[in-house]
Protein backbone atom coordinates (compact mmCIF):
# COMPACT_ATOMS: atom_id res chain seq x y z
CA MET A 1 -3.44 2.00 12.23
CA PRO A 2 -1.69 -0.33 13.93
CA ASN A 3 0.99 0.51 16.31
CA SER A 4 3.66 -1.96 14.95
CA VAL A 5 3.88 -4.36 11.73
CA SER A 6 5.23 -7.43 12.66
CA SER A 7 6.22 -10.61 11.46
CA SER A 8 7.00 -14.54 12.61
CA ALA A 9 9.88 -14.48 9.97
CA PRO A 10 13.20 -13.76 10.50
CA ASN A 11 14.63 -10.29 9.02
CA PRO A 12 17.96 -9.63 9.20
CA ASP A 13 17.52 -6.18 7.19
CA ALA A 14 15.10 -4.77 9.78
CA ARG A 15 16.28 -1.81 11.75
CA ALA A 16 13.76 -1.28 13.89
CA SER A 17 13.80 -4.51 15.08
CA THR A 18 13.73 -5.50 18.64
CA ALA A 19 15.74 -8.21 20.34
CA PRO A 20 15.66 -11.91 19.46
CA SER A 21 11.88 -13.53 20.63
CA ALA A 22 11.00 -16.71 21.23
CA PRO A 23 10.95 -19.35 18.17
CA GLY A 24 7.51 -19.31 16.67
CA SER A 25 6.71 -16.35 17.99
CA GLU A 26 6.23 -12.77 16.74
CA ARG A 27 8.24 -9.48 16.78
CA VAL A 28 8.05 -6.22 16.06
CA ILE A 29 9.88 -4.90 12.70
CA LEU A 30 8.55 -1.31 12.76
CA ASP A 31 6.94 0.34 15.50
CA ASP A 32 4.73 3.44 14.75
CA ALA A 33 7.34 5.97 15.00
CA ALA A 34 9.43 3.97 12.74
CA ILE A 35 5.78 3.99 10.28
CA ARG A 36 5.80 7.19 10.00
CA ARG A 37 9.28 8.11 9.30
CA ALA A 38 9.20 5.48 6.61
CA LEU A 39 6.08 7.18 5.38
CA MET A 40 7.39 10.84 5.56
CA ARG A 41 10.48 9.15 3.27
CA ILE A 42 8.07 7.63 1.06
CA ALA A 43 6.06 11.32 0.41
CA HIS A 44 9.46 12.86 -0.12
CA GLU A 45 9.76 10.28 -2.85
CA ILE A 46 6.69 10.67 -4.40
CA VAL A 47 6.31 14.37 -4.77
CA GLU A 48 10.12 13.77 -6.18
CA ARG A 49 9.06 11.40 -8.95
CA THR A 50 5.53 13.52 -9.72
CA ASP A 51 6.32 15.72 -12.02
CA ARG A 52 2.15 17.05 -12.00
CA ILE A 53 1.09 16.64 -8.09
CA ASP A 54 -2.51 18.16 -9.11
CA ARG A 55 -2.62 14.81 -11.43
CA LEU A 56 -1.27 12.44 -8.73
CA TYR A 57 -3.78 10.05 -7.51
CA LEU A 58 -3.35 7.32 -4.34
CA VAL A 59 -5.33 4.08 -4.38
CA ALA A 60 -5.16 2.14 -0.98
CA ILE A 61 -5.55 -1.73 -0.85
CA PRO A 62 -7.93 -2.74 1.91
CA ASN A 63 -7.64 -3.03 4.87
CA GLY A 64 -3.63 -2.48 5.73
CA GLY A 65 -3.30 -0.04 2.82
CA VAL A 66 -5.87 2.55 3.82
CA PRO A 67 -4.47 3.69 7.16
CA LEU A 68 -0.89 3.96 5.38
CA GLY A 69 -2.63 5.81 2.24
CA ARG A 70 -4.80 8.16 4.78
CA ILE A 71 -0.92 9.60 6.58
CA LEU A 72 0.89 9.77 2.87
CA VAL A 73 -2.35 12.07 1.80
CA GLU A 74 -1.14 13.64 4.80
CA ASN A 75 2.02 13.96 4.39
CA LEU A 76 1.83 14.98 1.09
CA ALA A 77 -0.28 17.83 1.85
CA SER A 78 2.44 19.27 4.69
CA LEU A 79 5.21 18.74 1.62
CA THR A 80 3.18 20.19 -1.41
CA GLY A 81 0.34 22.36 -0.10
CA GLN A 82 -2.19 20.64 -2.30
CA THR A 83 -4.31 17.51 -0.99
CA VAL A 84 -4.08 14.21 -3.18
CA PRO A 85 -7.55 12.37 -3.59
CA MET A 86 -7.23 8.78 -2.71
CA GLY A 87 -9.48 5.93 -3.44
CA ILE A 88 -10.08 2.52 -1.89
CA LEU A 89 -9.71 -0.37 -4.42
CA ASP A 90 -11.23 -3.94 -3.34
CA THR A 91 -9.13 -6.18 -5.24
CA THR A 92 -10.89 -9.90 -4.41
CA LEU A 93 -12.74 -10.46 -7.28
CA TYR A 94 -9.82 -9.76 -9.53
CA ARG A 95 -7.42 -12.28 -7.77
CA ASP A 96 -6.39 -15.08 -9.93
CA ASP A 97 -6.69 -17.72 -6.66
CA LEU A 98 -10.15 -17.31 -6.51
CA ALA A 99 -10.83 -20.49 -7.18
CA THR A 100 -8.62 -22.51 -4.82
CA ARG A 101 -10.22 -20.69 -2.01
CA SER A 102 -12.55 -23.57 -0.30
CA SER A 103 -14.86 -20.51 1.32
CA ARG A 104 -16.31 -17.47 0.15
CA PRO A 105 -13.94 -13.99 -0.24
CA ARG A 106 -14.87 -11.14 2.09
CA LEU A 107 -15.75 -9.02 -0.48
CA ARG A 108 -14.16 -4.87 0.91
CA LYS A 109 -15.56 -1.47 0.04
CA THR A 110 -14.40 0.30 -2.96
CA GLU A 111 -14.43 3.99 -2.62
CA MET A 112 -12.77 5.69 -6.04
CA PRO A 113 -14.11 9.39 -5.90
CA SER A 114 -13.01 10.21 -9.63
CA SER A 115 -11.59 8.50 -12.21
CA VAL A 116 -7.89 7.63 -12.73
CA ASP A 117 -7.65 8.79 -16.91
CA ASP A 118 -4.62 10.02 -16.98
CA ARG A 119 -3.59 10.53 -13.97
CA ALA A 120 0.11 9.17 -11.89
CA VAL A 121 -1.62 6.54 -9.68
CA VAL A 122 0.48 5.06 -6.74
CA ILE A 123 -0.97 2.15 -5.52
CA VAL A 124 -0.50 1.88 -1.58
CA GLU A 125 -0.67 -1.55 -0.06
CA ASP A 126 1.29 -2.85 3.30
CA VAL A 127 2.64 -5.99 3.16
CA VAL A 128 3.99 -7.68 -0.36
CA SER A 129 4.59 -10.76 -0.75
CA THR A 130 3.89 -12.53 -3.87
CA GLY A 131 2.47 -9.55 -5.97
CA ARG A 132 -0.86 -11.24 -6.94
CA THR A 133 -2.95 -8.53 -4.95
CA ILE A 134 -0.79 -5.41 -6.64
CA ARG A 135 -1.43 -7.42 -9.93
CA ALA A 136 -5.33 -7.59 -9.18
CA GLY A 137 -5.02 -4.04 -8.25
CA MET A 138 -3.86 -3.29 -11.51
CA ASP A 139 -6.47 -4.87 -13.55
CA ALA A 140 -9.38 -3.50 -10.89
CA LEU A 141 -7.95 -0.14 -11.30
CA MET A 142 -8.37 -0.31 -15.15
CA ASP A 143 -12.29 -0.50 -14.14
CA PHE A 144 -12.05 3.27 -13.45
CA GLY A 145 -9.82 4.36 -16.25
CA ARG A 146 -6.60 4.43 -18.16
CA PRO A 147 -3.83 6.39 -15.66
CA ARG A 148 -0.47 8.21 -16.90
CA ASN A 149 1.50 5.98 -14.92
CA VAL A 150 1.27 3.62 -12.11
CA ARG A 151 3.55 3.18 -9.32
CA VAL A 152 3.40 0.96 -5.70
CA MET A 153 4.40 1.89 -2.75
CA ALA A 154 4.39 -0.91 0.09
CA LEU A 155 5.97 -0.37 3.35
CA VAL A 156 7.44 -4.02 3.64
CA ASP A 157 8.63 -6.08 0.55
CA ARG A 158 9.00 -9.75 1.46
CA GLY A 159 10.35 -10.76 -1.87
CA HIS A 160 8.09 -13.95 -2.50
CA ARG A 161 7.65 -13.23 -5.97
CA GLU A 162 5.27 -16.07 -8.20
């Protein structure tokens, strides 16, 4: 897992940010400790909002969502005593902007250990900007069953929805 989440865009609400840096350079928004604290808070929220933990299923989006998902699985196990299954879902071929790319997209591995039928699914993503990856994830998810509900967990929301 990366030791920090960086951004070149200003973020006045970032509490764990470092001192201002030179224009155009990256700055740390969340360091490793802040990421781990945020993921523990998120795990608590997931437990509070999930009726049956035994029906919970995490689906991580490569690349950034996978390490976050693994930490969430550990956090959820420490809170509930249950191991929550986690799948990895490549959304590349489900994106609506494939035709606009000049190069052939790089496909990543999909590993879904079981169906998502009647599961409470949490899609795990590191950064949400336009929402296209999340929408593609919802489309791809339907190839693995019909979930009871789907929620999205993102560590950073850049708020640039289209």
